[in-house]
Amino acid sequence: MAVYTQVADDELAAFLDAYDIGALVSYKGIAEGVENSNYFLQTERGSFILTLYEKRVDP
């Protein structure tokens, strides 16, 4: 499973308030991936992908 960081409903909704994508309707983790946590988001304005970068790389 590629969701390493779990996100609480209220935390995600509060985070998304800063973006003009509508209210959160639903979300689920995406199992594909190797290193980052990915979520499929459904909002009142459409579908989105949220990626949480788990490992930082120095430039």
PDB file of N, CA and C in Angstrom:
ATOM      1  N   MET A   1       0.847  -1.188   0.000  1.00  0.00           N
ATOM      2  CA  MET A   1       0.000   0.000   0.000  1.00  0.00           C
ATOM      3  C   MET A   1       0.877   1.230   0.000  1.00  0.00           C
ATOM      4  N   ALA A   2       0.505   2.221  -0.779  1.00  0.00           N
ATOM      5  CA  ALA A   2       1.332   3.406  -0.928  1.00  0.00           C
ATOM      6  C   ALA A   2       0.842   4.602  -0.130  1.00  0.00           C
ATOM      7  N   VAL A   3      -0.058   4.411   0.797  1.00  0.00           N
ATOM      8  CA  VAL A   3      -0.459   5.517   1.657  1.00  0.00           C
ATOM      9  C   VAL A   3       0.299   5.371   2.972  1.00  0.00           C
ATOM     10  N   TYR A   4       1.319   6.186   3.135  1.00  0.00           N
ATOM     11  CA  TYR A   4       2.166   6.116   4.319  1.00  0.00           C
ATOM     12  C   TYR A   4       1.698   7.078   5.399  1.00  0.00           C
ATOM     13  N   THR A   5       1.101   8.182   4.990  1.00  0.00           N
ATOM     14  CA  THR A   5       0.592   9.181   5.927  1.00  0.00           C
ATOM     15  C   THR A   5      -0.924   9.182   5.872  1.00  0.00           C
ATOM     16  N   GLN A   6      -1.542   8.832   6.983  1.00  0.00           N
ATOM     17  CA  GLN A   6      -2.997   8.872   7.070  1.00  0.00           C
ATOM     18  C   GLN A   6      -3.443  10.310   7.343  1.00  0.00           C
ATOM     19  N   VAL A   7      -4.555  10.702   6.748  1.00  0.00           N
ATOM     20  CA  VAL A   7      -5.075  12.062   6.888  1.00  0.00           C
ATOM     21  C   VAL A   7      -6.473  11.998   7.501  1.00  0.00           C
ATOM     22  N   ALA A   8      -6.700  12.772   8.539  1.00  0.00           N
ATOM     23  CA  ALA A   8      -8.013  12.833   9.173  1.00  0.00           C
ATOM     24  C   ALA A   8      -8.964  13.690   8.332  1.00  0.00           C
ATOM     25  N   ASP A   9     -10.232  13.341   8.347  1.00  0.00           N
ATOM     26  CA  ASP A   9     -11.243  14.061   7.564  1.00  0.00           C
ATOM     27  C   ASP A   9     -11.217  15.565   7.821  1.00  0.00           C
ATOM     28  N   ASP A  10     -11.233  15.939   9.100  1.00  0.00           N
ATOM     29  CA  ASP A  10     -11.297  17.362   9.439  1.00  0.00           C
ATOM     30  C   ASP A  10     -10.012  18.100   9.063  1.00  0.00           C
ATOM     31  N   GLU A  11      -8.868  17.449   9.180  1.00  0.00           N
ATOM     32  CA  GLU A  11      -7.602  18.084   8.792  1.00  0.00           C
ATOM     33  C   GLU A  11      -7.543  18.314   7.285  1.00  0.00           C
ATOM     34  N   LEU A  12      -7.988  17.338   6.519  1.00  0.00           N
ATOM     35  CA  LEU A  12      -7.975  17.482   5.067  1.00  0.00           C
ATOM     36  C   LEU A  12      -8.941  18.576   4.625  1.00  0.00           C
ATOM     37  N   ALA A  13     -10.127  18.592   5.181  1.00  0.00           N
ATOM     38  CA  ALA A  13     -11.111  19.623   4.827  1.00  0.00           C
ATOM     39  C   ALA A  13     -10.577  21.011   5.158  1.00  0.00           C
ATOM     40  N   ALA A  14      -9.939  21.173   6.305  1.00  0.00           N
ATOM     41  CA  ALA A  14      -9.367  22.466   6.692  1.00  0.00           C
ATOM     42  C   ALA A  14      -8.243  22.864   5.744  1.00  0.00           C
ATOM     43  N   PHE A  15      -7.399  21.917   5.363  1.00  0.00           N
ATOM     44  CA  PHE A  15      -6.303  22.197   4.419  1.00  0.00           C
ATOM     45  C   PHE A  15      -6.856  22.647   3.065  1.00  0.00           C
ATOM     46  N   LEU A  16      -7.882  21.979   2.580  1.00  0.00           N
ATOM     47  CA  LEU A  16      -8.447  22.285   1.267  1.00  0.00           C
ATOM     48  C   LEU A  16      -9.190  23.611   1.239  1.00  0.00           C
ATOM     49  N   ASP A  17      -9.577  24.135   2.386  1.00  0.00           N
ATOM     50  CA  ASP A  17     -10.246  25.434   2.453  1.00  0.00           C
ATOM     51  C   ASP A  17      -9.391  26.550   1.860  1.00  0.00           C
ATOM     52  N   ALA A  18      -8.083  26.365   1.854  1.00  0.00           N
ATOM     53  CA  ALA A  18      -7.174  27.384   1.325  1.00  0.00           C
ATOM     54  C   ALA A  18      -7.159  27.411  -0.207  1.00  0.00           C
ATOM     55  N   TYR A  19      -7.820  26.450  -0.831  1.00  0.00           N
ATOM     56  CA  TYR A  19      -7.818  26.343  -2.292  1.00  0.00           C
ATOM     57  C   TYR A  19      -9.240  26.462  -2.816  1.00  0.00           C
ATOM     58  N   ASP A  20      -9.371  27.016  -3.988  1.00  0.00           N
ATOM     59  CA  ASP A  20     -10.685  27.257  -4.584  1.00  0.00           C
ATOM     60  C   ASP A  20     -11.137  26.038  -5.391  1.00  0.00           C
ATOM     61  N   ILE A  21     -11.307  24.904  -4.693  1.00  0.00           N
ATOM     62  CA  ILE A  21     -11.704  23.676  -5.388  1.00  0.00           C
ATOM     63  C   ILE A  21     -13.037  23.135  -4.880  1.00  0.00           C
ATOM     64  N   GLY A  22     -13.723  23.878  -4.050  1.00  0.00           N
ATOM     65  CA  GLY A  22     -14.997  23.437  -3.518  1.00  0.00           C
ATOM     66  C   GLY A  22     -14.827  22.588  -2.282  1.00  0.00           C
ATOM     67  N   ALA A  23     -15.940  22.287  -1.655  1.00  0.00           N
ATOM     68  CA  ALA A  23     -15.925  21.502  -0.421  1.00  0.00           C
ATOM     69  C   ALA A  23     -15.614  20.035  -0.722  1.00  0.00           C
ATOM     70  N   LEU A  24     -14.928  19.396   0.189  1.00  0.00           N
ATOM     71  CA  LEU A  24     -14.576  17.988   0.070  1.00  0.00           C
ATOM     72  C   LEU A  24     -15.834  17.130   0.167  1.00  0.00           C
ATOM     73  N   VAL A  25     -16.018  16.231  -0.793  1.00  0.00           N
ATOM     74  CA  VAL A  25     -17.137  15.302  -0.790  1.00  0.00           C
ATOM     75  C   VAL A  25     -16.660  13.937  -0.287  1.00  0.00           C
ATOM     76  N   SER A  26     -15.536  13.464  -0.845  1.00  0.00           N
ATOM     77  CA  SER A  26     -14.977  12.181  -0.428  1.00  0.00           C
ATOM     78  C   SER A  26     -13.503  12.124  -0.820  1.00  0.00           C
ATOM     79  N   TYR A  27     -12.804  11.155  -0.233  1.00  0.00           N
ATOM     80  CA  TYR A  27     -11.412  10.916  -0.605  1.00  0.00           C
ATOM     81  C   TYR A  27     -11.032   9.495  -0.246  1.00  0.00           C
ATOM     82  N   LYS A  28     -10.024   8.983  -0.982  1.00  0.00           N
ATOM     83  CA  LYS A  28      -9.518   7.657  -0.642  1.00  0.00           C
ATOM     84  C   LYS A  28      -8.067   7.560  -1.073  1.00  0.00           C
ATOM     85  N   GLY A  29      -7.322   6.760  -0.333  1.00  0.00           N
ATOM     86  CA  GLY A  29      -5.923   6.551  -0.646  1.00  0.00           C
ATOM     87  C   GLY A  29      -5.764   5.762  -1.933  1.00  0.00           C
ATOM     88  N   ILE A  30      -4.702   6.071  -2.662  1.00  0.00           N
ATOM     89  CA  ILE A  30      -4.379   5.367  -3.898  1.00  0.00           C
ATOM     90  C   ILE A  30      -3.238   4.395  -3.589  1.00  0.00           C
ATOM     91  N   ALA A  31      -3.445   3.123  -3.870  1.00  0.00           N
ATOM     92  CA  ALA A  31      -2.481   2.090  -3.501  1.00  0.00           C
ATOM     93  C   ALA A  31      -1.211   2.118  -4.356  1.00  0.00           C
ATOM     94  N   GLU A  32      -1.282   2.631  -5.569  1.00  0.00           N
ATOM     95  CA  GLU A  32      -0.115   2.665  -6.424  1.00  0.00           C
ATOM     96  C   GLU A  32       0.882   3.696  -5.911  1.00  0.00           C
ATOM     97  N   GLY A  33       2.131   3.490  -6.228  1.00  0.00           N
ATOM     98  CA  GLY A  33       3.168   4.413  -5.803  1.00  0.00           C
ATOM     99  C   GLY A  33       4.195   3.695  -4.960  1.00  0.00           C
ATOM    100  N   VAL A  34       5.335   4.329  -4.812  1.00  0.00           N
ATOM    101  CA  VAL A  34       6.434   3.690  -4.100  1.00  0.00           C
ATOM    102  C   VAL A  34       6.832   4.461  -2.853  1.00  0.00           C
ATOM    103  N   GLU A  35       6.842   5.780  -2.950  1.00  0.00           N
ATOM    104  CA  GLU A  35       7.455   6.567  -1.891  1.00  0.00           C
ATOM    105  C   GLU A  35       6.562   7.631  -1.273  1.00  0.00           C
ATOM    106  N   ASN A  36       5.544   8.072  -1.968  1.00  0.00           N
ATOM    107  CA  ASN A  36       4.693   9.156  -1.487  1.00  0.00           C
ATOM    108  C   ASN A  36       3.289   8.646  -1.182  1.00  0.00           C
ATOM    109  N   SER A  37       2.555   9.408  -0.386  1.00  0.00           N
ATOM    110  CA  SER A  37       1.143   9.103  -0.127  1.00  0.00           C
ATOM    111  C   SER A  37       0.298   9.870  -1.135  1.00  0.00           C
ATOM    112  N   ASN A  38      -0.599   9.161  -1.798  1.00  0.00           N
ATOM    113  CA  ASN A  38      -1.457   9.773  -2.812  1.00  0.00           C
ATOM    114  C   ASN A  38      -2.920   9.525  -2.465  1.00  0.00           C
ATOM    115  N   TYR A  39      -3.718  10.563  -2.660  1.00  0.00           N
ATOM    116  CA  TYR A  39      -5.148  10.471  -2.389  1.00  0.00           C
ATOM    117  C   TYR A  39      -5.931  10.968  -3.594  1.00  0.00           C
ATOM    118  N   PHE A  40      -7.017  10.283  -3.903  1.00  0.00           N
ATOM    119  CA  PHE A  40      -7.968  10.733  -4.900  1.00  0.00           C
ATOM    120  C   PHE A  40      -9.030  11.525  -4.159  1.00  0.00           C
ATOM    121  N   LEU A  41      -9.217  12.795  -4.542  1.00  0.00           N
ATOM    122  CA  LEU A  41     -10.187  13.674  -3.889  1.00  0.00           C
ATOM    123  C   LEU A  41     -11.368  13.933  -4.810  1.00  0.00           C
ATOM    124  N   GLN A  42     -12.544  13.931  -4.241  1.00  0.00           N
ATOM    125  CA  GLN A  42     -13.744  14.365  -4.959  1.00  0.00           C
ATOM    126  C   GLN A  42     -14.288  15.566  -4.203  1.00  0.00           C
ATOM    127  N   THR A  43     -14.413  16.699  -4.895  1.00  0.00           N
ATOM    128  CA  THR A  43     -14.957  17.899  -4.284  1.00  0.00           C
ATOM    129  C   THR A  43     -16.202  18.319  -5.052  1.00  0.00           C
ATOM    130  N   GLU A  44     -16.833  19.373  -4.582  1.00  0.00           N
ATOM    131  CA  GLU A  44     -18.007  19.903  -5.279  1.00  0.00           C
ATOM    132  C   GLU A  44     -17.661  20.416  -6.669  1.00  0.00           C
ATOM    133  N   ARG A  45     -16.386  20.662  -6.934  1.00  0.00           N
ATOM    134  CA  ARG A  45     -15.974  21.212  -8.228  1.00  0.00           C
ATOM    135  C   ARG A  45     -15.197  20.236  -9.096  1.00  0.00           C
ATOM    136  N   GLY A  46     -15.070  18.996  -8.688  1.00  0.00           N
ATOM    137  CA  GLY A  46     -14.396  18.041  -9.551  1.00  0.00           C
ATOM    138  C   GLY A  46     -13.513  17.062  -8.799  1.00  0.00           C
ATOM    139  N   SER A  47     -12.681  16.371  -9.563  1.00  0.00           N
ATOM    140  CA  SER A  47     -11.778  15.348  -9.029  1.00  0.00           C
ATOM    141  C   SER A  47     -10.346  15.870  -9.035  1.00  0.00           C
ATOM    142  N   PHE A  48      -9.602  15.505  -7.999  1.00  0.00           N
ATOM    143  CA  PHE A  48      -8.231  15.968  -7.851  1.00  0.00           C
ATOM    144  C   PHE A  48      -7.372  14.860  -7.249  1.00  0.00           C
ATOM    145  N   ILE A  49      -6.070  14.979  -7.436  1.00  0.00           N
ATOM    146  CA  ILE A  49      -5.107  14.085  -6.806  1.00  0.00           C
ATOM    147  C   ILE A  49      -4.288  14.912  -5.818  1.00  0.00           C
ATOM    148  N   LEU A  50      -4.154  14.417  -4.609  1.00  0.00           N
ATOM    149  CA  LEU A  50      -3.306  15.050  -3.591  1.00  0.00           C
ATOM    150  C   LEU A  50      -2.123  14.129  -3.346  1.00  0.00           C
ATOM    151  N   THR A  51      -0.903  14.661  -3.486  1.00  0.00           N
ATOM    152  CA  THR A  51       0.308  13.907  -3.213  1.00  0.00           C
ATOM    153  C   THR A  51       1.006  14.506  -2.013  1.00  0.00           C
ATOM    154  N   LEU A  52       1.298  13.680  -1.034  1.00  0.00           N
ATOM    155  CA  LEU A  52       2.077  14.083   0.133  1.00  0.00           C
ATOM    156  C   LEU A  52       3.470  13.510  -0.043  1.00  0.00           C
ATOM    157  N   TYR A  53       4.443  14.394  -0.220  1.00  0.00           N
ATOM    158  CA  TYR A  53       5.820  13.951  -0.435  1.00  0.00           C
ATOM    159  C   TYR A  53       6.415  13.496   0.883  1.00  0.00           C
ATOM    160  N   GLU A  54       6.784  12.243   0.950  1.00  0.00           N
ATOM    161  CA  GLU A  54       7.268  11.643   2.183  1.00  0.00           C
ATOM    162  C   GLU A  54       8.763  11.846   2.396  1.00  0.00           C
ATOM    163  N   LYS A  55       9.505  11.966   1.325  1.00  0.00           N
ATOM    164  CA  LYS A  55      10.956  12.044   1.427  1.00  0.00           C
ATOM    165  C   LYS A  55      11.448  13.258   0.658  1.00  0.00           C
ATOM    166  N   ARG A  56      12.188  14.106   1.327  1.00  0.00           N
ATOM    167  CA  ARG A  56      12.727  15.302   0.674  1.00  0.00           C
ATOM    168  C   ARG A  56      14.062  14.973   0.035  1.00  0.00           C
ATOM    169  N   VAL A  57      14.336  15.637  -1.056  1.00  0.00           N
ATOM    170  CA  VAL A  57      15.602  15.462  -1.761  1.00  0.00           C
ATOM    171  C   VAL A  57      16.288  16.820  -1.813  1.00  0.00           C
ATOM    172  N   ASP A  58      17.552  16.859  -1.456  1.00  0.00           N
ATOM    173  CA  ASP A  58      18.299  18.110  -1.527  1.00  0.00           C
ATOM    174  C   ASP A  58      18.538  18.472  -2.984  1.00  0.00           C
ATOM    175  N   PRO A  59      18.343  19.759  -3.332  1.00  0.00           N
ATOM    176  CA  PRO A  59      18.547  20.182  -4.727  1.00  0.00           C
ATOM    177  C   PRO A  59      20.012  20.140  -5.119  1.00  0.00           C
TER     178      PRO A  59
END
